[in-house]
Amino acid sequence: MAEIIQKDGTWVFDGDALRLTPGHDKSVSLLRRTLGELVVPLGALAGVSFEQGRKNGRLRLRLRDGADPLTHATAGRLTEPHDPYQLVVEPDRYGVAEYVVDEVRNALLLDQVPSGPVDTYLLPGPAVPLSVSAGDGTASFDGEQVRLEWNWKTEDAKAAVGERVLPVADIEGVEWLPAAGLENGCLRFVVRGAPTTAPAKYDPNAVELWGFKKDPLMALVAAAVQARLPHPSGRSAARPPAGKPVLDGAAPAAGGDDHDVLLRRLRELGELHRDGVLTDDEFALAKQAVLKRL
């Protein structure tokens, strides 16, 4: 087992999963404290890294595309203080952080976990029921329907529509955008048959966000709804299943060592090496094994 305890939080790796617990320090964001502990299965990981800085270091996890509804709903827009897959590391624990990285990377290698996308969510998303008040309204979700209620700051034309109740079956998509500069953000639901061209200020299926403290919490509502929508992969038959890569040579093909298959395998190994899943020596050995079969 590998464990690192910091003011920012605690990460524990038991060989099968990483348990991420936010810290109690005042610097820990409201989103991370509200989200609570996360259990990330090894199969959901595409890579792990540790970066040293002048004052602090930072552990980072990279999840496989499609594994986490929160990551999908926010599309990389969560800034560092709110990202639950990062941990601030104090200088006297740099050695421990590097040990955690080594242990996770070794497990990824031994279990031959691929870094490519998956066709089902491997994390459950935020717990429900969930209710957040921010911007011009309150968004609540009980696992079956979204309820949007407006406050005194809501535009009159939008408030006149009244409270909105959106069953999950009628929701085709969800979008969370943080406020940036002079541009306001929003939590928007794409509802079957409803137009989506109106600004969030006037859209009765969207909450407008102005960049205040509770805005990131709307991302949790987005993720909880996303977890109950069809997976973005569409479970396409064209997408290969989330199996395990063969690190000592080319992936099996119906026609033997097909040239294109081996070239694709080289690219996959290069991605694993760039993501830090494979060390320089491991990459060199696996690459040599593939080249021998070209």
C-alpha atoms as a PDB file:
ATOM      1  CA  MET A   1       0.000   0.000   0.000  1.00  0.00           C
ATOM      2  CA  ALA A   2       1.167   3.542  -0.781  1.00  0.00           C
ATOM      3  CA  GLU A   3      -0.146   6.532   1.147  1.00  0.00           C
ATOM      4  CA  ILE A   4       0.510  10.261   1.193  1.00  0.00           C
ATOM      5  CA  ILE A   5      -1.104  12.568   3.770  1.00  0.00           C
ATOM      6  CA  GLN A   6      -1.108  16.326   3.172  1.00  0.00           C
ATOM      7  CA  LYS A   7      -3.096  19.348   4.299  1.00  0.00           C
ATOM      8  CA  ASP A   8      -4.668  19.351   0.842  1.00  0.00           C
ATOM      9  CA  GLY A   9      -5.846  15.755   1.224  1.00  0.00           C
ATOM     10  CA  THR A  10      -4.877  12.098   1.478  1.00  0.00           C
ATOM     11  CA  TRP A  11      -4.264   9.629  -1.328  1.00  0.00           C
ATOM     12  CA  VAL A  12      -4.121   5.904  -0.564  1.00  0.00           C
ATOM     13  CA  PHE A  13      -3.348   3.248  -3.171  1.00  0.00           C
ATOM     14  CA  ASP A  14      -4.036  -0.399  -2.304  1.00  0.00           C
ATOM     15  CA  GLY A  15      -3.088  -1.953  -5.638  1.00  0.00           C
ATOM     16  CA  ASP A  16      -6.628  -1.997  -7.006  1.00  0.00           C
ATOM     17  CA  ALA A  17      -7.841   1.567  -6.503  1.00  0.00           C
ATOM     18  CA  LEU A  18      -6.813   5.024  -5.390  1.00  0.00           C
ATOM     19  CA  ARG A  19      -8.802   6.513  -2.508  1.00  0.00           C
ATOM     20  CA  LEU A  20      -8.766  10.319  -2.695  1.00  0.00           C
ATOM     21  CA  THR A  21      -9.898  12.143   0.450  1.00  0.00           C
ATOM     22  CA  PRO A  22      -9.978  15.966   0.528  1.00  0.00           C
ATOM     23  CA  GLY A  23      -8.233  17.663   3.434  1.00  0.00           C
ATOM     24  CA  HIS A  24      -9.792  19.919   6.061  1.00  0.00           C
ATOM     25  CA  ASP A  25      -7.478  22.857   5.449  1.00  0.00           C
ATOM     26  CA  LYS A  26      -9.214  26.149   4.615  1.00  0.00           C
ATOM     27  CA  SER A  27      -7.445  26.170   1.248  1.00  0.00           C
ATOM     28  CA  VAL A  28      -9.371  23.057   0.108  1.00  0.00           C
ATOM     29  CA  SER A  29     -12.111  24.164  -2.277  1.00  0.00           C
ATOM     30  CA  LEU A  30     -15.821  23.948  -1.522  1.00  0.00           C
ATOM     31  CA  LEU A  31     -16.332  21.681  -4.520  1.00  0.00           C
ATOM     32  CA  ARG A  32     -13.814  19.098  -3.323  1.00  0.00           C
ATOM     33  CA  ARG A  33     -15.183  19.155   0.226  1.00  0.00           C
ATOM     34  CA  THR A  34     -18.749  18.744  -1.051  1.00  0.00           C
ATOM     35  CA  LEU A  35     -17.783  15.946  -3.445  1.00  0.00           C
ATOM     36  CA  GLY A  36     -16.063  14.091  -0.610  1.00  0.00           C
ATOM     37  CA  GLU A  37     -13.995  10.940  -0.912  1.00  0.00           C
ATOM     38  CA  LEU A  38     -13.475   9.392  -4.330  1.00  0.00           C
ATOM     39  CA  VAL A  39     -12.500   5.806  -5.059  1.00  0.00           C
ATOM     40  CA  VAL A  40     -10.820   5.607  -8.464  1.00  0.00           C
ATOM     41  CA  PRO A  41     -10.387   2.039  -9.775  1.00  0.00           C
ATOM     42  CA  LEU A  42      -7.061   1.247 -11.386  1.00  0.00           C
ATOM     43  CA  GLY A  43      -8.831   0.517 -14.668  1.00  0.00           C
ATOM     44  CA  ALA A  44     -10.041   4.124 -14.866  1.00  0.00           C
ATOM     45  CA  LEU A  45      -6.514   5.550 -14.900  1.00  0.00           C
ATOM     46  CA  ALA A  46      -4.612   6.588 -18.017  1.00  0.00           C
ATOM     47  CA  GLY A  47      -1.593   7.917 -16.138  1.00  0.00           C
ATOM     48  CA  VAL A  48      -0.185   9.582 -13.034  1.00  0.00           C
ATOM     49  CA  SER A  49       2.506  12.202 -12.613  1.00  0.00           C
ATOM     50  CA  PHE A  50       4.268  14.322 -10.011  1.00  0.00           C
ATOM     51  CA  GLU A  51       5.573  17.809 -10.702  1.00  0.00           C
ATOM     52  CA  GLN A  52       7.912  19.637  -8.350  1.00  0.00           C
ATOM     53  CA  GLY A  53       7.512  23.380  -7.903  1.00  0.00           C
ATOM     54  CA  ARG A  54       9.302  26.171  -6.080  1.00  0.00           C
ATOM     55  CA  LYS A  55       6.976  26.134  -3.083  1.00  0.00           C
ATOM     56  CA  ASN A  56       4.931  22.965  -3.548  1.00  0.00           C
ATOM     57  CA  GLY A  57       4.660  19.980  -5.834  1.00  0.00           C
ATOM     58  CA  ARG A  58       1.538  18.537  -7.393  1.00  0.00           C
ATOM     59  CA  LEU A  59       0.350  14.978  -7.927  1.00  0.00           C
ATOM     60  CA  ARG A  60      -1.931  14.600 -10.935  1.00  0.00           C
ATOM     61  CA  LEU A  61      -4.098  11.763 -12.172  1.00  0.00           C
ATOM     62  CA  ARG A  62      -5.193  11.483 -15.773  1.00  0.00           C
ATOM     63  CA  LEU A  63      -8.338   9.436 -16.250  1.00  0.00           C
ATOM     64  CA  ARG A  64      -9.233   7.488 -19.351  1.00  0.00           C
ATOM     65  CA  ASP A  65     -11.663   9.303 -21.637  1.00  0.00           C
ATOM     66  CA  GLY A  66     -15.232   8.401 -20.749  1.00  0.00           C
ATOM     67  CA  ALA A  67     -14.387   6.905 -17.340  1.00  0.00           C
ATOM     68  CA  ASP A  68     -15.667   9.749 -15.158  1.00  0.00           C
ATOM     69  CA  PRO A  69     -18.907  11.743 -15.578  1.00  0.00           C
ATOM     70  CA  LEU A  70     -17.427  14.739 -13.707  1.00  0.00           C
ATOM     71  CA  THR A  71     -14.447  14.961 -16.046  1.00  0.00           C
ATOM     72  CA  HIS A  72     -16.733  14.610 -19.058  1.00  0.00           C
ATOM     73  CA  ALA A  73     -19.280  17.189 -17.859  1.00  0.00           C
ATOM     74  CA  THR A  74     -16.626  19.799 -17.082  1.00  0.00           C
ATOM     75  CA  ALA A  75     -14.518  19.087 -20.198  1.00  0.00           C
ATOM     76  CA  GLY A  76     -11.256  20.103 -18.524  1.00  0.00           C
ATOM     77  CA  ARG A  77     -12.651  23.442 -17.323  1.00  0.00           C
ATOM     78  CA  LEU A  78     -12.185  22.807 -13.595  1.00  0.00           C
ATOM     79  CA  THR A  79      -9.293  24.929 -12.395  1.00  0.00           C
ATOM     80  CA  GLU A  80      -6.578  23.537 -10.117  1.00  0.00           C
ATOM     81  CA  PRO A  81      -8.148  24.423  -6.740  1.00  0.00           C
ATOM     82  CA  HIS A  82     -11.321  22.522  -7.680  1.00  0.00           C
ATOM     83  CA  ASP A  83      -9.847  19.528  -9.537  1.00  0.00           C
ATOM     84  CA  PRO A  84     -10.263  16.455  -7.270  1.00  0.00           C
ATOM     85  CA  TYR A  85      -7.623  14.569  -9.267  1.00  0.00           C
ATOM     86  CA  GLN A  86      -4.788  16.833  -8.144  1.00  0.00           C
ATOM     87  CA  LEU A  87      -3.039  16.981  -4.775  1.00  0.00           C
ATOM     88  CA  VAL A  88      -0.756  19.745  -3.513  1.00  0.00           C
ATOM     89  CA  VAL A  89       2.413  18.198  -2.028  1.00  0.00           C
ATOM     90  CA  GLU A  90       4.707  19.934   0.439  1.00  0.00           C
ATOM     91  CA  PRO A  91       8.478  19.783  -0.276  1.00  0.00           C
ATOM     92  CA  ASP A  92       9.253  17.436   2.625  1.00  0.00           C
ATOM     93  CA  ARG A  93       6.937  14.822   1.065  1.00  0.00           C
ATOM     94  CA  TYR A  94       8.319  14.858  -2.476  1.00  0.00           C
ATOM     95  CA  GLY A  95       9.916  11.447  -1.941  1.00  0.00           C
ATOM     96  CA  VAL A  96       6.600   9.990  -0.769  1.00  0.00           C
ATOM     97  CA  ALA A  97       4.813  11.461  -3.798  1.00  0.00           C
ATOM     98  CA  GLU A  98       7.343   9.866  -6.147  1.00  0.00           C
ATOM     99  CA  TYR A  99       6.869   6.533  -4.381  1.00  0.00           C
ATOM    100  CA  VAL A 100       3.081   6.754  -4.891  1.00  0.00           C
ATOM    101  CA  VAL A 101       3.626   7.491  -8.584  1.00  0.00           C
ATOM    102  CA  ASP A 102       5.954   4.507  -8.935  1.00  0.00           C
ATOM    103  CA  GLU A 103       3.499   2.168  -7.221  1.00  0.00           C
ATOM    104  CA  VAL A 104       0.570   3.271  -9.403  1.00  0.00           C
ATOM    105  CA  ARG A 105       2.632   3.075 -12.592  1.00  0.00           C
ATOM    106  CA  ASN A 106       3.890  -0.393 -11.720  1.00  0.00           C
ATOM    107  CA  ALA A 107       0.321  -1.559 -11.092  1.00  0.00           C
ATOM    108  CA  LEU A 108      -0.842  -0.093 -14.414  1.00  0.00           C
ATOM    109  CA  LEU A 109       1.967  -1.934 -16.150  1.00  0.00           C
ATOM    110  CA  LEU A 110       1.488  -5.261 -14.361  1.00  0.00           C
ATOM    111  CA  ASP A 111      -2.284  -5.210 -14.924  1.00  0.00           C
ATOM    112  CA  GLN A 112      -1.698  -4.028 -18.504  1.00  0.00           C
ATOM    113  CA  VAL A 113      -4.315  -1.292 -18.149  1.00  0.00           C
ATOM    114  CA  PRO A 114      -4.808   0.506 -21.478  1.00  0.00           C
ATOM    115  CA  SER A 115      -4.820   4.300 -21.588  1.00  0.00           C
ATOM    116  CA  GLY A 116      -7.460   4.574 -24.298  1.00  0.00           C
ATOM    117  CA  PRO A 117     -11.133   5.529 -23.917  1.00  0.00           C
ATOM    118  CA  VAL A 118     -13.789   3.361 -22.292  1.00  0.00           C
ATOM    119  CA  ASP A 119     -17.416   2.860 -23.274  1.00  0.00           C
ATOM    120  CA  THR A 120     -18.927   2.923 -19.782  1.00  0.00           C
ATOM    121  CA  TYR A 121     -18.488   5.096 -16.710  1.00  0.00           C
ATOM    122  CA  LEU A 122     -16.106   3.555 -14.185  1.00  0.00           C
ATOM    123  CA  LEU A 123     -16.910   6.130 -11.490  1.00  0.00           C
ATOM    124  CA  PRO A 124     -20.466   6.718 -10.250  1.00  0.00           C
ATOM    125  CA  GLY A 125     -20.511  10.526 -10.207  1.00  0.00           C
ATOM    126  CA  PRO A 126     -21.580  12.725  -7.262  1.00  0.00           C
ATOM    127  CA  ALA A 127     -24.077  11.336  -4.771  1.00  0.00           C
ATOM    128  CA  VAL A 128     -27.717  12.400  -5.007  1.00  0.00           C
ATOM    129  CA  PRO A 129     -29.961  14.061  -3.925  1.00  0.00           C
ATOM    130  CA  LEU A 130     -28.036  17.221  -4.661  1.00  0.00           C
ATOM    131  CA  SER A 131     -29.083  20.877  -4.575  1.00  0.00           C
ATOM    132  CA  VAL A 132     -26.995  23.951  -5.401  1.00  0.00           C
ATOM    133  CA  SER A 133     -27.930  27.644  -5.333  1.00  0.00           C
ATOM    134  CA  ALA A 134     -25.753  29.956  -7.419  1.00  0.00           C
ATOM    135  CA  GLY A 135     -26.145  32.639 -10.050  1.00  0.00           C
ATOM    136  CA  ASP A 136     -29.768  33.271 -10.941  1.00  0.00           C
ATOM    137  CA  GLY A 137     -31.253  30.031  -9.626  1.00  0.00           C
ATOM    138  CA  THR A 138     -31.184  26.749  -7.748  1.00  0.00           C
ATOM    139  CA  ALA A 139     -30.602  23.395  -9.458  1.00  0.00           C
ATOM    140  CA  SER A 140     -31.700  20.236  -7.633  1.00  0.00           C
ATOM    141  CA  PHE A 141     -31.371  16.641  -8.765  1.00  0.00           C
ATOM    142  CA  ASP A 142     -32.784  13.532  -7.100  1.00  0.00           C
ATOM    143  CA  GLY A 143     -31.527  10.964  -9.584  1.00  0.00           C
ATOM    144  CA  GLU A 144     -34.673  11.027 -11.706  1.00  0.00           C
ATOM    145  CA  GLN A 145     -35.459  14.659 -12.433  1.00  0.00           C
ATOM    146  CA  VAL A 146     -33.852  18.093 -12.377  1.00  0.00           C
ATOM    147  CA  ARG A 147     -35.677  20.973 -10.716  1.00  0.00           C
ATOM    148  CA  LEU A 148     -34.744  24.557 -11.616  1.00  0.00           C
ATOM    149  CA  GLU A 149     -36.010  27.372  -9.387  1.00  0.00           C
ATOM    150  CA  TRP A 150     -35.370  31.082  -9.905  1.00  0.00           C
ATOM    151  CA  ASN A 151     -34.425  33.873  -7.509  1.00  0.00           C
ATOM    152  CA  TRP A 152     -34.904  37.636  -7.410  1.00  0.00           C
ATOM    153  CA  LYS A 153     -31.891  38.162  -9.693  1.00  0.00           C
ATOM    154  CA  THR A 154     -33.432  36.158 -12.565  1.00  0.00           C
ATOM    155  CA  GLU A 155     -34.356  38.018 -15.757  1.00  0.00           C
ATOM    156  CA  ASP A 156     -38.115  38.736 -15.753  1.00  0.00           C
ATOM    157  CA  ALA A 157     -38.837  36.914 -19.011  1.00  0.00           C
ATOM    158  CA  LYS A 158     -37.114  33.795 -17.729  1.00  0.00           C
ATOM    159  CA  ALA A 159     -38.675  33.943 -14.262  1.00  0.00           C
ATOM    160  CA  ALA A 160     -42.118  34.232 -15.866  1.00  0.00           C
ATOM    161  CA  VAL A 161     -41.741  30.684 -17.205  1.00  0.00           C
ATOM    162  CA  GLY A 162     -41.745  29.496 -13.605  1.00  0.00           C
ATOM    163  CA  GLU A 163     -40.122  26.514 -11.956  1.00  0.00           C
ATOM    164  CA  ARG A 164     -38.803  23.892 -14.367  1.00  0.00           C
ATOM    165  CA  VAL A 165     -38.960  20.125 -13.792  1.00  0.00           C
ATOM    166  CA  LEU A 166     -36.895  18.119 -16.280  1.00  0.00           C
ATOM    167  CA  PRO A 167     -37.102  14.310 -16.220  1.00  0.00           C
ATOM    168  CA  VAL A 168     -33.811  12.607 -17.065  1.00  0.00           C
ATOM    169  CA  ALA A 169     -35.579  10.869 -19.962  1.00  0.00           C
ATOM    170  CA  ASP A 170     -36.106  14.298 -21.606  1.00  0.00           C
ATOM    171  CA  ILE A 171     -32.498  15.469 -21.158  1.00  0.00           C
ATOM    172  CA  GLU A 172     -30.172  14.850 -24.089  1.00  0.00           C
ATOM    173  CA  GLY A 173     -27.095  16.594 -22.720  1.00  0.00           C
ATOM    174  CA  VAL A 174     -25.707  18.821 -19.992  1.00  0.00           C
ATOM    175  CA  GLU A 175     -23.110  21.580 -20.120  1.00  0.00           C
ATOM    176  CA  TRP A 176     -21.237  23.407 -17.369  1.00  0.00           C
ATOM    177  CA  LEU A 177     -19.246  26.525 -18.219  1.00  0.00           C
ATOM    178  CA  PRO A 178     -17.435  28.623 -15.595  1.00  0.00           C
ATOM    179  CA  ALA A 179     -17.503  32.400 -15.778  1.00  0.00           C
ATOM    180  CA  ALA A 180     -14.335  33.688 -17.461  1.00  0.00           C
ATOM    181  CA  GLY A 181     -13.362  37.344 -17.616  1.00  0.00           C
ATOM    182  CA  LEU A 182     -16.389  39.356 -18.733  1.00  0.00           C
ATOM    183  CA  GLU A 183     -18.184  36.219 -19.955  1.00  0.00           C
ATOM    184  CA  ASN A 184     -20.729  34.663 -17.612  1.00  0.00           C
ATOM    185  CA  GLY A 185     -20.895  30.902 -17.171  1.00  0.00           C
ATOM    186  CA  CYS A 186     -23.857  28.561 -17.011  1.00  0.00           C
ATOM    187  CA  LEU A 187     -25.287  25.172 -16.189  1.00  0.00           C
ATOM    188  CA  ARG A 188     -27.385  24.285 -19.219  1.00  0.00           C
ATOM    189  CA  PHE A 189     -29.564  21.265 -19.945  1.00  0.00           C
ATOM    190  CA  VAL A 190     -30.194  20.251 -23.534  1.00  0.00           C
ATOM    191  CA  VAL A 191     -33.830  19.199 -23.508  1.00  0.00           C
ATOM    192  CA  ARG A 192     -35.430  17.203 -26.279  1.00  0.00           C
ATOM    193  CA  GLY A 193     -37.416  19.514 -28.570  1.00  0.00           C
ATOM    194  CA  ALA A 194     -36.320  22.746 -26.847  1.00  0.00           C
ATOM    195  CA  PRO A 195     -34.136  25.383 -28.578  1.00  0.00           C
ATOM    196  CA  THR A 196     -30.638  25.936 -27.166  1.00  0.00           C
ATOM    197  CA  THR A 197     -29.700  29.154 -28.927  1.00  0.00           C
ATOM    198  CA  ALA A 198     -30.844  31.606 -26.243  1.00  0.00           C
ATOM    199  CA  PRO A 199     -28.236  33.015 -23.819  1.00  0.00           C
ATOM    200  CA  ALA A 200     -28.377  31.426 -20.357  1.00  0.00           C
ATOM    201  CA  LYS A 201     -29.781  34.715 -19.053  1.00  0.00           C
ATOM    202  CA  TYR A 202     -33.021  33.977 -20.953  1.00  0.00           C
ATOM    203  CA  ASP A 203     -32.909  30.181 -21.297  1.00  0.00           C
ATOM    204  CA  PRO A 204     -35.410  28.518 -18.896  1.00  0.00           C
ATOM    205  CA  ASN A 205     -33.339  25.311 -19.048  1.00  0.00           C
ATOM    206  CA  ALA A 206     -30.135  27.019 -17.886  1.00  0.00           C
ATOM    207  CA  VAL A 207     -28.789  28.659 -14.738  1.00  0.00           C
ATOM    208  CA  GLU A 208     -26.609  31.695 -15.429  1.00  0.00           C
ATOM    209  CA  LEU A 209     -23.396  31.873 -13.362  1.00  0.00           C
ATOM    210  CA  TRP A 210     -21.447  35.021 -12.526  1.00  0.00           C
ATOM    211  CA  GLY A 211     -18.195  33.718 -11.089  1.00  0.00           C
ATOM    212  CA  PHE A 212     -19.018  33.540  -7.381  1.00  0.00           C
ATOM    213  CA  LYS A 213     -17.823  31.014  -4.785  1.00  0.00           C
ATOM    214  CA  LYS A 214     -20.595  28.432  -5.269  1.00  0.00           C
ATOM    215  CA  ASP A 215     -20.462  28.361  -9.067  1.00  0.00           C
ATOM    216  CA  PRO A 216     -18.173  25.282  -9.225  1.00  0.00           C
ATOM    217  CA  LEU A 217     -20.755  23.299  -7.248  1.00  0.00           C
ATOM    218  CA  MET A 218     -23.031  23.451 -10.283  1.00  0.00           C
ATOM    219  CA  ALA A 219     -20.468  21.178 -11.936  1.00  0.00           C
ATOM    220  CA  LEU A 220     -21.492  18.492  -9.441  1.00  0.00           C
ATOM    221  CA  VAL A 221     -25.116  18.743 -10.594  1.00  0.00           C
ATOM    222  CA  ALA A 222     -23.921  18.496 -14.194  1.00  0.00           C
ATOM    223  CA  ALA A 223     -21.856  15.394 -13.377  1.00  0.00           C
ATOM    224  CA  ALA A 224     -24.644  13.683 -11.427  1.00  0.00           C
ATOM    225  CA  VAL A 225     -27.000  14.112 -14.386  1.00  0.00           C
ATOM    226  CA  GLN A 226     -24.304  13.108 -16.884  1.00  0.00           C
ATOM    227  CA  ALA A 227     -23.787   9.837 -15.004  1.00  0.00           C
ATOM    228  CA  ARG A 228     -27.408   8.908 -15.751  1.00  0.00           C
ATOM    229  CA  LEU A 229     -27.397   9.811 -19.433  1.00  0.00           C
ATOM    230  CA  PRO A 230     -26.296   7.399 -22.183  1.00  0.00           C
ATOM    231  CA  HIS A 231     -22.520   7.129 -22.282  1.00  0.00           C
ATOM    232  CA  PRO A 232     -20.990   9.541 -24.830  1.00  0.00           C
ATOM    233  CA  SER A 233     -19.338   6.680 -26.683  1.00  0.00           C
ATOM    234  CA  GLY A 234     -22.776   5.512 -27.755  1.00  0.00           C
ATOM    235  CA  ARG A 235     -21.429   2.006 -27.110  1.00  0.00           C
ATOM    236  CA  SER A 236     -20.337   2.051 -30.742  1.00  0.00           C
ATOM    237  CA  ALA A 237     -19.449  -1.344 -32.119  1.00  0.00           C
ATOM    238  CA  ALA A 238     -16.616   0.339 -33.968  1.00  0.00           C
ATOM    239  CA  ARG A 239     -14.856   1.243 -30.716  1.00  0.00           C
ATOM    240  CA  PRO A 240     -12.590  -1.555 -29.446  1.00  0.00           C
ATOM    241  CA  PRO A 241     -13.504  -2.971 -26.031  1.00  0.00           C
ATOM    242  CA  ALA A 242     -11.633  -1.773 -22.952  1.00  0.00           C
ATOM    243  CA  GLY A 243      -9.307  -4.745 -22.771  1.00  0.00           C
ATOM    244  CA  LYS A 244      -5.684  -5.052 -21.742  1.00  0.00           C
ATOM    245  CA  PRO A 245      -2.798  -4.111 -24.018  1.00  0.00           C
ATOM    246  CA  VAL A 246      -0.067  -6.567 -24.881  1.00  0.00           C
ATOM    247  CA  LEU A 247       3.154  -4.867 -23.830  1.00  0.00           C
ATOM    248  CA  ASP A 248       5.569  -7.463 -25.134  1.00  0.00           C
ATOM    249  CA  GLY A 249       4.526  -7.305 -28.760  1.00  0.00           C
ATOM    250  CA  ALA A 250       1.713  -6.526 -31.145  1.00  0.00           C
ATOM    251  CA  ALA A 251      -1.958  -6.981 -30.312  1.00  0.00           C
ATOM    252  CA  PRO A 252      -3.358 -10.174 -31.844  1.00  0.00           C
ATOM    253  CA  ALA A 253      -4.931  -9.749 -35.267  1.00  0.00           C
ATOM    254  CA  ALA A 254      -7.024 -12.104 -37.347  1.00  0.00           C
ATOM    255  CA  GLY A 255      -4.483 -12.084 -40.151  1.00  0.00           C
ATOM    256  CA  GLY A 256      -1.346 -12.476 -38.015  1.00  0.00           C
ATOM    257  CA  ASP A 257       1.268  -9.724 -37.654  1.00  0.00           C
ATOM    258  CA  ASP A 258      -0.406  -7.231 -39.969  1.00  0.00           C
ATOM    259  CA  HIS A 259       1.875  -4.260 -40.741  1.00  0.00           C
ATOM    260  CA  ASP A 260      -0.785  -1.646 -39.892  1.00  0.00           C
ATOM    261  CA  VAL A 261      -1.574  -3.377 -36.590  1.00  0.00           C
ATOM    262  CA  LEU A 262       2.087  -3.291 -35.570  1.00  0.00           C
ATOM    263  CA  LEU A 263       2.418   0.385 -36.486  1.00  0.00           C
ATOM    264  CA  ARG A 264      -0.680   1.160 -34.452  1.00  0.00           C
ATOM    265  CA  ARG A 265       0.828  -0.762 -31.544  1.00  0.00           C
ATOM    266  CA  LEU A 266       3.969   1.371 -31.752  1.00  0.00           C
ATOM    267  CA  ARG A 267       1.842   4.504 -31.502  1.00  0.00           C
ATOM    268  CA  GLU A 268       0.008   3.090 -28.479  1.00  0.00           C
ATOM    269  CA  LEU A 269       3.294   2.303 -26.753  1.00  0.00           C
ATOM    270  CA  GLY A 270       4.482   5.839 -27.482  1.00  0.00           C
ATOM    271  CA  GLU A 271       1.351   7.247 -25.833  1.00  0.00           C
ATOM    272  CA  LEU A 272       1.845   5.055 -22.758  1.00  0.00           C
ATOM    273  CA  HIS A 273       5.453   6.259 -22.549  1.00  0.00           C
ATOM    274  CA  ARG A 274       4.480   9.942 -22.893  1.00  0.00           C
ATOM    275  CA  ASP A 275       1.774   9.536 -20.231  1.00  0.00           C
ATOM    276  CA  GLY A 276       4.324   8.102 -17.811  1.00  0.00           C
ATOM    277  CA  VAL A 277       2.719   4.651 -17.662  1.00  0.00           C
ATOM    278  CA  LEU A 278       5.860   3.061 -19.155  1.00  0.00           C
ATOM    279  CA  THR A 279       9.397   3.891 -18.025  1.00  0.00           C
ATOM    280  CA  ASP A 280      12.139   4.516 -20.581  1.00  0.00           C
ATOM    281  CA  ASP A 281      13.459   0.944 -20.198  1.00  0.00           C
ATOM    282  CA  GLU A 282       9.993  -0.643 -20.401  1.00  0.00           C
ATOM    283  CA  PHE A 283       9.173   1.389 -23.494  1.00  0.00           C
ATOM    284  CA  ALA A 284      12.467   0.454 -25.166  1.00  0.00           C
ATOM    285  CA  LEU A 285      11.919  -3.272 -24.558  1.00  0.00           C
ATOM    286  CA  ALA A 286       8.313  -3.238 -25.763  1.00  0.00           C
ATOM    287  CA  LYS A 287       9.226  -1.155 -28.816  1.00  0.00           C
ATOM    288  CA  GLN A 288      12.051  -3.542 -29.706  1.00  0.00           C
ATOM    289  CA  ALA A 289       9.682  -6.509 -29.484  1.00  0.00           C
ATOM    290  CA  VAL A 290       7.289  -4.865 -31.944  1.00  0.00           C
ATOM    291  CA  LEU A 291      10.029  -3.790 -34.351  1.00  0.00           C
ATOM    292  CA  LYS A 292      11.300  -7.358 -34.577  1.00  0.00           C
ATOM    293  CA  ARG A 293       7.921  -8.381 -35.981  1.00  0.00           C
ATOM    294  CA  LEU A 294       7.765  -5.661 -38.654  1.00  0.00           C
END
